[in-house]
Amino acid sequence: MAEDGATHTSWTMAGINTSVDLDGGVLVGDDGSHAALEALRYSAAEAARRGTALHVLRAWSIPTAVRPDDVPFGVTPSVVELQDATLAATQRRGEAAAADHPEVTVHAHTVFGRADRALIAAARGADVLVVGSRGRSKITSLLLGSTAATCIREATIPVIVVR
């Protein structure tokens, strides 16, 4: 399975992906949560059904990035190291979720920024957007999360919400 990124970098953060351009396929958001894993599994099956690629996008910031395994405790990793570790973890999760669908090619992407903005922008080049829905308490578990709600309102392509 391939790892690539048709991405743009910002001159203000050289080497850091701030957007991604897609050319078709199933796009799924991944924040590392259990709810996102369910969305990943669903999207892998959807990509197999459609005969298209699976694009796994993880939006990140310094606090939400995956810490590189090779950076010792007490040492602050660079922003590029955080991005690379986050991309590698996203690729592994995507491949694991698509394990039952070997015909599906998984492409991992990372974007430094808000998840809703990154997904809506990337969705312009996708065929369908898949997001997980999760709540943090018993009351909010019946409601859509803010990222899912924003994607439903603003995406220009079909959005599938996985519970």
N, C-alpha and C. Protein backbone atom coordinates (compact mmCIF):
# COMPACT_ATOMS: atom_id res chain seq x y z
N MET A 1 0.84 -1.17 0.00
CA MET A 1 0.00 0.00 0.00
C MET A 1 0.89 1.23 0.00
N ALA A 2 0.44 2.23 -0.68
CA ALA A 2 1.30 3.37 -0.94
C ALA A 2 1.15 4.45 0.11
N GLU A 3 2.24 5.15 0.31
CA GLU A 3 2.22 6.35 1.15
C GLU A 3 2.68 7.49 0.27
N ASP A 4 1.82 8.47 0.12
CA ASP A 4 2.22 9.61 -0.69
C ASP A 4 1.51 10.83 -0.19
N GLY A 5 1.71 11.90 -0.82
CA GLY A 5 0.98 13.10 -0.45
C GLY A 5 1.06 14.12 -1.56
N ALA A 6 -0.03 14.28 -2.28
CA ALA A 6 -0.12 15.38 -3.23
C ALA A 6 -0.45 16.59 -2.39
N THR A 7 0.58 17.15 -1.79
CA THR A 7 0.34 18.18 -0.79
C THR A 7 1.00 19.49 -1.16
N HIS A 8 0.58 20.53 -0.48
CA HIS A 8 1.18 21.84 -0.61
C HIS A 8 1.85 22.17 0.72
N THR A 9 2.90 22.91 0.67
CA THR A 9 3.51 23.39 1.90
C THR A 9 3.41 24.90 1.93
N SER A 10 3.34 25.41 3.11
CA SER A 10 3.22 26.84 3.31
C SER A 10 4.61 27.45 3.41
N TRP A 11 4.80 28.61 2.83
CA TRP A 11 6.10 29.27 2.94
C TRP A 11 6.35 29.68 4.38
N THR A 12 5.31 29.82 5.18
CA THR A 12 5.50 30.21 6.57
C THR A 12 5.95 29.04 7.44
N MET A 13 5.72 27.84 6.99
CA MET A 13 6.13 26.64 7.72
C MET A 13 6.73 25.66 6.72
N ALA A 14 7.86 25.97 6.21
CA ALA A 14 8.49 25.17 5.16
C ALA A 14 8.58 23.71 5.59
N GLY A 15 8.13 22.84 4.72
CA GLY A 15 8.17 21.41 4.98
C GLY A 15 6.97 20.87 5.72
N ILE A 16 6.05 21.73 6.12
CA ILE A 16 4.87 21.31 6.85
C ILE A 16 3.65 21.39 5.93
N ASN A 17 2.92 20.29 5.82
CA ASN A 17 1.75 20.25 4.94
C ASN A 17 0.60 21.02 5.56
N THR A 18 0.07 21.96 4.79
CA THR A 18 -1.06 22.75 5.27
C THR A 18 -2.31 22.53 4.41
N SER A 19 -2.20 21.69 3.40
CA SER A 19 -3.36 21.31 2.59
C SER A 19 -2.99 20.06 1.80
N VAL A 20 -4.00 19.44 1.23
CA VAL A 20 -3.79 18.26 0.40
C VAL A 20 -4.74 18.32 -0.78
N ASP A 21 -4.26 17.95 -1.96
CA ASP A 21 -5.08 17.90 -3.16
C ASP A 21 -5.30 16.45 -3.53
N LEU A 22 -6.55 16.07 -3.73
CA LEU A 22 -6.90 14.71 -4.10
C LEU A 22 -7.49 14.70 -5.50
N ASP A 23 -7.42 13.53 -6.11
CA ASP A 23 -8.02 13.33 -7.42
C ASP A 23 -8.91 12.10 -7.34
N GLY A 24 -10.05 12.24 -6.68
CA GLY A 24 -10.99 11.14 -6.54
C GLY A 24 -10.69 10.26 -5.34
N GLY A 25 -11.52 9.29 -5.14
CA GLY A 25 -11.34 8.33 -4.06
C GLY A 25 -12.19 8.65 -2.84
N VAL A 26 -12.07 7.79 -1.86
CA VAL A 26 -12.78 7.93 -0.59
C VAL A 26 -11.84 8.63 0.38
N LEU A 27 -12.31 9.71 0.98
CA LEU A 27 -11.55 10.47 1.97
C LEU A 27 -12.14 10.20 3.34
N VAL A 28 -11.28 9.88 4.30
CA VAL A 28 -11.74 9.65 5.67
C VAL A 28 -10.85 10.43 6.62
N GLY A 29 -11.48 11.01 7.64
CA GLY A 29 -10.73 11.71 8.68
C GLY A 29 -10.33 10.75 9.78
N ASP A 30 -9.12 10.93 10.31
CA ASP A 30 -8.61 10.09 11.39
C ASP A 30 -7.97 10.97 12.44
N ASP A 31 -8.51 10.90 13.65
CA ASP A 31 -7.91 11.65 14.76
C ASP A 31 -7.25 10.73 15.77
N GLY A 32 -7.12 9.44 15.42
CA GLY A 32 -6.50 8.47 16.32
C GLY A 32 -7.46 7.84 17.31
N SER A 33 -8.73 8.21 17.27
CA SER A 33 -9.71 7.71 18.24
C SER A 33 -10.33 6.40 17.79
N HIS A 34 -11.07 5.77 18.71
CA HIS A 34 -11.80 4.54 18.38
C HIS A 34 -12.90 4.84 17.35
N ALA A 35 -13.57 5.97 17.51
CA ALA A 35 -14.62 6.35 16.56
C ALA A 35 -14.04 6.51 15.15
N ALA A 36 -12.86 7.10 15.07
CA ALA A 36 -12.21 7.26 13.77
C ALA A 36 -11.81 5.91 13.19
N LEU A 37 -11.43 4.96 14.04
CA LEU A 37 -11.07 3.63 13.56
C LEU A 37 -12.28 2.95 12.91
N GLU A 38 -13.46 3.13 13.50
CA GLU A 38 -14.68 2.60 12.89
C GLU A 38 -14.94 3.25 11.53
N ALA A 39 -14.71 4.56 11.44
CA ALA A 39 -14.86 5.26 10.16
C ALA A 39 -13.83 4.77 9.15
N LEU A 40 -12.62 4.49 9.61
CA LEU A 40 -11.58 3.95 8.72
C LEU A 40 -12.01 2.60 8.15
N ARG A 41 -12.52 1.73 9.00
CA ARG A 41 -12.95 0.40 8.53
C ARG A 41 -14.08 0.52 7.51
N TYR A 42 -15.05 1.37 7.82
CA TYR A 42 -16.16 1.58 6.90
C TYR A 42 -15.65 2.13 5.57
N SER A 43 -14.77 3.11 5.64
CA SER A 43 -14.28 3.75 4.41
C SER A 43 -13.44 2.80 3.57
N ALA A 44 -12.73 1.88 4.19
CA ALA A 44 -11.97 0.88 3.43
C ALA A 44 -12.93 0.00 2.63
N ALA A 45 -14.01 -0.42 3.28
CA ALA A 45 -15.02 -1.22 2.57
C ALA A 45 -15.68 -0.41 1.46
N GLU A 46 -15.93 0.87 1.71
CA GLU A 46 -16.54 1.74 0.70
C GLU A 46 -15.58 1.92 -0.49
N ALA A 47 -14.29 2.08 -0.22
CA ALA A 47 -13.32 2.20 -1.30
C ALA A 47 -13.26 0.91 -2.13
N ALA A 48 -13.33 -0.23 -1.45
CA ALA A 48 -13.33 -1.51 -2.16
C ALA A 48 -14.58 -1.62 -3.04
N ARG A 49 -15.73 -1.24 -2.50
CA ARG A 49 -16.99 -1.31 -3.25
C ARG A 49 -16.93 -0.41 -4.48
N ARG A 50 -16.32 0.75 -4.34
CA ARG A 50 -16.24 1.70 -5.44
C ARG A 50 -15.07 1.42 -6.39
N GLY A 51 -14.13 0.56 -5.96
CA GLY A 51 -12.95 0.29 -6.77
C GLY A 51 -12.03 1.48 -6.87
N THR A 52 -11.83 2.18 -5.75
CA THR A 52 -11.04 3.40 -5.76
C THR A 52 -10.08 3.42 -4.57
N ALA A 53 -9.25 4.44 -4.52
CA ALA A 53 -8.27 4.58 -3.45
C ALA A 53 -8.92 5.09 -2.17
N LEU A 54 -8.24 4.82 -1.06
CA LEU A 54 -8.64 5.33 0.24
C LEU A 54 -7.63 6.37 0.69
N HIS A 55 -8.10 7.56 0.98
CA HIS A 55 -7.25 8.65 1.45
C HIS A 55 -7.57 8.91 2.91
N VAL A 56 -6.58 8.69 3.77
CA VAL A 56 -6.74 8.89 5.21
C VAL A 56 -6.07 10.20 5.57
N LEU A 57 -6.84 11.14 6.09
CA LEU A 57 -6.31 12.45 6.41
C LEU A 57 -6.35 12.67 7.92
N ARG A 58 -5.21 13.03 8.45
CA ARG A 58 -5.14 13.40 9.86
C ARG A 58 -4.68 14.84 9.98
N ALA A 59 -5.57 15.68 10.49
CA ALA A 59 -5.20 17.05 10.81
C ALA A 59 -4.55 17.02 12.19
N TRP A 60 -3.53 17.84 12.37
CA TRP A 60 -2.81 17.79 13.64
C TRP A 60 -2.32 19.17 14.04
N SER A 61 -1.96 19.25 15.30
CA SER A 61 -1.32 20.44 15.87
C SER A 61 -0.24 19.92 16.82
N ILE A 62 0.52 20.78 17.39
CA ILE A 62 1.61 20.34 18.28
C ILE A 62 1.07 19.42 19.39
N PRO A 63 0.00 19.79 20.10
CA PRO A 63 -0.47 18.91 21.18
C PRO A 63 -1.07 17.59 20.71
N THR A 64 -1.58 17.53 19.47
CA THR A 64 -2.25 16.31 19.01
C THR A 64 -1.37 15.43 18.12
N ALA A 65 -0.15 15.87 17.84
CA ALA A 65 0.75 15.10 16.98
C ALA A 65 1.21 13.83 17.68
N VAL A 66 1.61 12.86 16.87
CA VAL A 66 2.21 11.63 17.39
C VAL A 66 3.67 11.92 17.68
N ARG A 67 4.11 11.56 18.87
CA ARG A 67 5.51 11.78 19.25
C ARG A 67 6.38 10.70 18.60
N PRO A 68 7.48 11.10 17.96
CA PRO A 68 8.37 10.12 17.33
C PRO A 68 8.98 9.18 18.38
N ASP A 69 9.01 7.90 18.05
CA ASP A 69 9.57 6.90 18.97
C ASP A 69 11.06 7.08 19.20
N ASP A 70 11.77 7.63 18.21
CA ASP A 70 13.23 7.72 18.32
C ASP A 70 13.72 9.01 18.97
N VAL A 71 12.80 9.83 19.47
CA VAL A 71 13.21 11.06 20.16
C VAL A 71 13.16 10.79 21.66
N PRO A 72 14.30 10.90 22.34
CA PRO A 72 14.33 10.57 23.77
C PRO A 72 13.46 11.50 24.60
N PHE A 73 12.98 10.97 25.72
CA PHE A 73 12.21 11.77 26.66
C PHE A 73 13.07 12.95 27.11
N GLY A 74 12.46 14.11 27.22
CA GLY A 74 13.20 15.31 27.61
C GLY A 74 13.71 16.11 26.44
N VAL A 75 13.61 15.55 25.23
CA VAL A 75 14.04 16.25 24.02
C VAL A 75 12.78 16.62 23.24
N THR A 76 12.70 17.85 22.82
CA THR A 76 11.55 18.30 22.04
C THR A 76 11.77 17.99 20.57
N PRO A 77 10.87 17.19 19.97
CA PRO A 77 11.03 16.90 18.54
C PRO A 77 10.72 18.14 17.70
N SER A 78 11.30 18.19 16.52
CA SER A 78 11.00 19.29 15.60
C SER A 78 9.59 19.12 15.06
N VAL A 79 9.08 20.18 14.49
CA VAL A 79 7.74 20.12 13.90
C VAL A 79 7.73 19.12 12.74
N VAL A 80 8.80 19.07 11.97
CA VAL A 80 8.88 18.11 10.86
C VAL A 80 8.89 16.67 11.41
N GLU A 81 9.61 16.43 12.51
CA GLU A 81 9.60 15.09 13.11
C GLU A 81 8.20 14.72 13.61
N LEU A 82 7.48 15.68 14.18
CA LEU A 82 6.10 15.42 14.62
C LEU A 82 5.22 15.08 13.42
N GLN A 83 5.36 15.84 12.34
CA GLN A 83 4.57 15.56 11.14
C GLN A 83 4.88 14.17 10.59
N ASP A 84 6.16 13.83 10.51
CA ASP A 84 6.55 12.53 9.96
C ASP A 84 6.03 11.38 10.81
N ALA A 85 6.09 11.52 12.14
CA ALA A 85 5.59 10.48 13.03
C ALA A 85 4.07 10.36 12.93
N THR A 86 3.40 11.48 12.78
CA THR A 86 1.95 11.47 12.63
C THR A 86 1.56 10.83 11.30
N LEU A 87 2.29 11.13 10.24
CA LEU A 87 2.02 10.52 8.94
C LEU A 87 2.23 9.01 8.99
N ALA A 88 3.31 8.57 9.61
CA ALA A 88 3.59 7.13 9.70
C ALA A 88 2.49 6.41 10.49
N ALA A 89 2.06 7.00 11.60
CA ALA A 89 0.99 6.38 12.40
C ALA A 89 -0.32 6.35 11.62
N THR A 90 -0.59 7.38 10.87
CA THR A 90 -1.81 7.44 10.06
C THR A 90 -1.78 6.38 8.97
N GLN A 91 -0.63 6.20 8.34
CA GLN A 91 -0.49 5.17 7.31
C GLN A 91 -0.71 3.78 7.91
N ARG A 92 -0.12 3.53 9.09
CA ARG A 92 -0.30 2.21 9.74
C ARG A 92 -1.76 1.96 10.07
N ARG A 93 -2.45 2.96 10.63
CA ARG A 93 -3.87 2.78 10.97
C ARG A 93 -4.71 2.54 9.72
N GLY A 94 -4.42 3.28 8.66
CA GLY A 94 -5.16 3.09 7.42
C GLY A 94 -4.96 1.70 6.84
N GLU A 95 -3.72 1.24 6.83
CA GLU A 95 -3.43 -0.10 6.31
C GLU A 95 -4.07 -1.19 7.16
N ALA A 96 -4.04 -1.02 8.47
CA ALA A 96 -4.67 -2.00 9.37
C ALA A 96 -6.17 -2.04 9.14
N ALA A 97 -6.79 -0.88 8.97
CA ALA A 97 -8.24 -0.82 8.76
C ALA A 97 -8.63 -1.43 7.42
N ALA A 98 -7.74 -1.36 6.44
CA ALA A 98 -8.03 -1.88 5.11
C ALA A 98 -7.50 -3.30 4.91
N ALA A 99 -7.06 -3.95 5.96
CA ALA A 99 -6.45 -5.28 5.84
C ALA A 99 -7.39 -6.30 5.18
N ASP A 100 -8.68 -6.16 5.39
CA ASP A 100 -9.64 -7.09 4.77
C ASP A 100 -9.92 -6.76 3.31
N HIS A 101 -9.31 -5.70 2.81
CA HIS A 101 -9.54 -5.26 1.44
C HIS A 101 -8.20 -5.00 0.75
N PRO A 102 -7.47 -6.08 0.43
CA PRO A 102 -6.12 -5.90 -0.13
C PRO A 102 -6.10 -5.18 -1.47
N GLU A 103 -7.23 -5.09 -2.14
CA GLU A 103 -7.28 -4.39 -3.42
C GLU A 103 -7.30 -2.87 -3.26
N VAL A 104 -7.49 -2.40 -2.04
CA VAL A 104 -7.57 -0.96 -1.78
C VAL A 104 -6.18 -0.40 -1.49
N THR A 105 -5.83 0.65 -2.21
CA THR A 105 -4.57 1.35 -1.96
C THR A 105 -4.84 2.46 -0.95
N VAL A 106 -4.03 2.49 0.11
CA VAL A 106 -4.20 3.47 1.18
C VAL A 106 -3.15 4.57 1.02
N HIS A 107 -3.62 5.80 1.01
CA HIS A 107 -2.74 6.97 0.96
C HIS A 107 -2.96 7.77 2.24
N ALA A 108 -1.92 7.95 3.02
CA ALA A 108 -2.01 8.74 4.24
C ALA A 108 -1.59 10.17 3.95
N HIS A 109 -2.29 11.11 4.59
CA HIS A 109 -2.00 12.53 4.44
C HIS A 109 -2.08 13.18 5.81
N THR A 110 -1.23 14.16 6.04
CA THR A 110 -1.34 14.96 7.25
C THR A 110 -1.43 16.42 6.86
N VAL A 111 -2.19 17.16 7.66
CA VAL A 111 -2.35 18.60 7.45
C VAL A 111 -2.23 19.27 8.80
N PHE A 112 -1.36 20.24 8.90
CA PHE A 112 -1.24 21.03 10.12
C PHE A 112 -2.39 22.02 10.13
N GLY A 113 -3.33 21.83 11.04
CA GLY A 113 -4.48 22.73 11.11
C GLY A 113 -5.69 22.04 11.70
N ARG A 114 -6.81 22.72 11.63
CA ARG A 114 -8.07 22.21 12.16
C ARG A 114 -8.62 21.09 11.29
N ALA A 115 -9.17 20.08 11.91
CA ALA A 115 -9.68 18.92 11.18
C ALA A 115 -10.82 19.30 10.23
N ASP A 116 -11.77 20.09 10.71
CA ASP A 116 -12.91 20.42 9.85
C ASP A 116 -12.46 21.17 8.60
N ARG A 117 -11.58 22.16 8.76
CA ARG A 117 -11.10 22.93 7.61
C ARG A 117 -10.30 22.05 6.65
N ALA A 118 -9.43 21.19 7.19
CA ALA A 118 -8.60 20.32 6.35
C ALA A 118 -9.45 19.34 5.57
N LEU A 119 -10.45 18.74 6.22
CA LEU A 119 -11.31 17.77 5.55
C LEU A 119 -12.16 18.42 4.47
N ILE A 120 -12.74 19.57 4.77
CA ILE A 120 -13.59 20.25 3.78
C ILE A 120 -12.76 20.66 2.56
N ALA A 121 -11.56 21.17 2.79
CA ALA A 121 -10.70 21.56 1.67
C ALA A 121 -10.29 20.34 0.84
N ALA A 122 -9.88 19.27 1.49
CA ALA A 122 -9.45 18.06 0.77
C ALA A 122 -10.62 17.39 0.06
N ALA A 123 -11.82 17.52 0.62
CA ALA A 123 -13.00 16.88 0.03
C ALA A 123 -13.32 17.41 -1.36
N ARG A 124 -12.83 18.59 -1.68
CA ARG A 124 -13.08 19.16 -3.02
C ARG A 124 -12.58 18.23 -4.12
N GLY A 125 -11.58 17.41 -3.82
CA GLY A 125 -11.05 16.51 -4.83
C GLY A 125 -11.43 15.06 -4.62
N ALA A 126 -12.24 14.75 -3.63
CA ALA A 126 -12.64 13.36 -3.34
C ALA A 126 -14.03 13.07 -3.89
N ASP A 127 -14.39 11.80 -3.91
CA ASP A 127 -15.72 11.39 -4.35
C ASP A 127 -16.72 11.37 -3.21
N VAL A 128 -16.24 11.01 -2.02
CA VAL A 128 -17.10 10.93 -0.84
C VAL A 128 -16.22 11.15 0.38
N LEU A 129 -16.79 11.74 1.43
CA LEU A 129 -16.09 12.00 2.68
C LEU A 129 -16.72 11.16 3.78
N VAL A 130 -15.89 10.47 4.55
CA VAL A 130 -16.36 9.65 5.67
C VAL A 130 -15.77 10.21 6.95
N VAL A 131 -16.62 10.44 7.94
CA VAL A 131 -16.17 10.93 9.24
C VAL A 131 -16.83 10.10 10.33
N GLY A 132 -16.18 10.04 11.47
CA GLY A 132 -16.76 9.38 12.63
C GLY A 132 -17.57 10.38 13.43
N SER A 133 -18.49 9.86 14.20
CA SER A 133 -19.28 10.71 15.09
C SER A 133 -19.02 10.22 16.50
N ARG A 134 -18.69 11.14 17.37
CA ARG A 134 -18.45 10.73 18.75
C ARG A 134 -18.81 11.85 19.69
N GLY A 135 -19.28 11.46 20.85
CA GLY A 135 -19.59 12.42 21.89
C GLY A 135 -18.74 12.10 23.11
N ARG A 136 -18.58 13.07 23.99
CA ARG A 136 -17.71 12.86 25.14
C ARG A 136 -18.46 12.51 26.42
N SER A 137 -19.76 12.67 26.42
CA SER A 137 -20.52 12.29 27.61
C SER A 137 -21.76 11.54 27.17
N LYS A 138 -22.51 11.02 28.13
CA LYS A 138 -23.71 10.27 27.80
C LYS A 138 -24.72 11.14 27.06
N ILE A 139 -24.77 12.41 27.40
CA ILE A 139 -25.71 13.31 26.74
C ILE A 139 -25.26 13.60 25.32
N THR A 140 -24.00 13.95 25.14
CA THR A 140 -23.52 14.32 23.81
C THR A 140 -23.28 13.11 22.92
N SER A 141 -23.31 11.89 23.46
CA SER A 141 -23.08 10.73 22.61
C SER A 141 -24.19 10.57 21.57
N LEU A 142 -25.33 11.22 21.77
CA LEU A 142 -26.41 11.16 20.80
C LEU A 142 -26.26 12.22 19.72
N LEU A 143 -25.36 13.15 19.92
CA LEU A 143 -25.19 14.26 19.00
C LEU A 143 -23.96 14.07 18.13
N LEU A 144 -23.92 14.80 17.03
CA LEU A 144 -22.73 14.80 16.18
C LEU A 144 -21.62 15.61 16.83
N GLY A 145 -20.40 15.16 16.62
CA GLY A 145 -19.26 15.97 17.03
C GLY A 145 -19.17 17.20 16.14
N SER A 146 -18.41 18.18 16.57
CA SER A 146 -18.34 19.43 15.83
C SER A 146 -17.71 19.27 14.44
N THR A 147 -16.70 18.40 14.32
CA THR A 147 -16.08 18.20 13.01
C THR A 147 -17.06 17.57 12.04
N ALA A 148 -17.77 16.54 12.48
CA ALA A 148 -18.77 15.88 11.62
C ALA A 148 -19.86 16.86 11.22
N ALA A 149 -20.34 17.64 12.18
CA ALA A 149 -21.41 18.59 11.88
C ALA A 149 -20.96 19.63 10.87
N THR A 150 -19.75 20.14 11.02
CA THR A 150 -19.23 21.12 10.07
C THR A 150 -19.07 20.51 8.69
N CYS A 151 -18.57 19.28 8.62
CA CYS A 151 -18.41 18.62 7.32
C CYS A 151 -19.75 18.42 6.62
N ILE A 152 -20.77 18.03 7.38
CA ILE A 152 -22.10 17.85 6.80
C ILE A 152 -22.62 19.18 6.23
N ARG A 153 -22.43 20.24 6.97
CA ARG A 153 -22.92 21.56 6.55
C ARG A 153 -22.15 22.12 5.36
N GLU A 154 -20.84 21.92 5.31
CA GLU A 154 -20.03 22.68 4.37
C GLU A 154 -19.40 21.89 3.23
N ALA A 155 -19.31 20.58 3.33
CA ALA A 155 -18.68 19.80 2.26
C ALA A 155 -19.54 19.85 1.01
N THR A 156 -18.88 19.84 -0.14
CA THR A 156 -19.58 19.91 -1.41
C THR A 156 -19.79 18.53 -2.04
N ILE A 157 -19.43 17.49 -1.30
CA ILE A 157 -19.60 16.12 -1.77
C ILE A 157 -20.42 15.36 -0.72
N PRO A 158 -20.89 14.15 -1.04
CA PRO A 158 -21.62 13.37 -0.04
C PRO A 158 -20.74 13.09 1.18
N VAL A 159 -21.36 13.15 2.37
CA VAL A 159 -20.67 12.88 3.62
C VAL A 159 -21.36 11.69 4.30
N ILE A 160 -20.58 10.71 4.70
CA ILE A 160 -21.08 9.56 5.45
C ILE A 160 -20.57 9.68 6.86
N VAL A 161 -21.47 9.63 7.84
CA VAL A 161 -21.10 9.69 9.25
C VAL A 161 -21.25 8.28 9.82
N VAL A 162 -20.16 7.79 10.41
CA VAL A 162 -20.14 6.43 10.96
C VAL A 162 -20.21 6.52 12.47
N ARG A 163 -21.14 5.78 13.05
CA ARG A 163 -21.28 5.70 14.51
C ARG A 163 -20.67 4.43 15.00
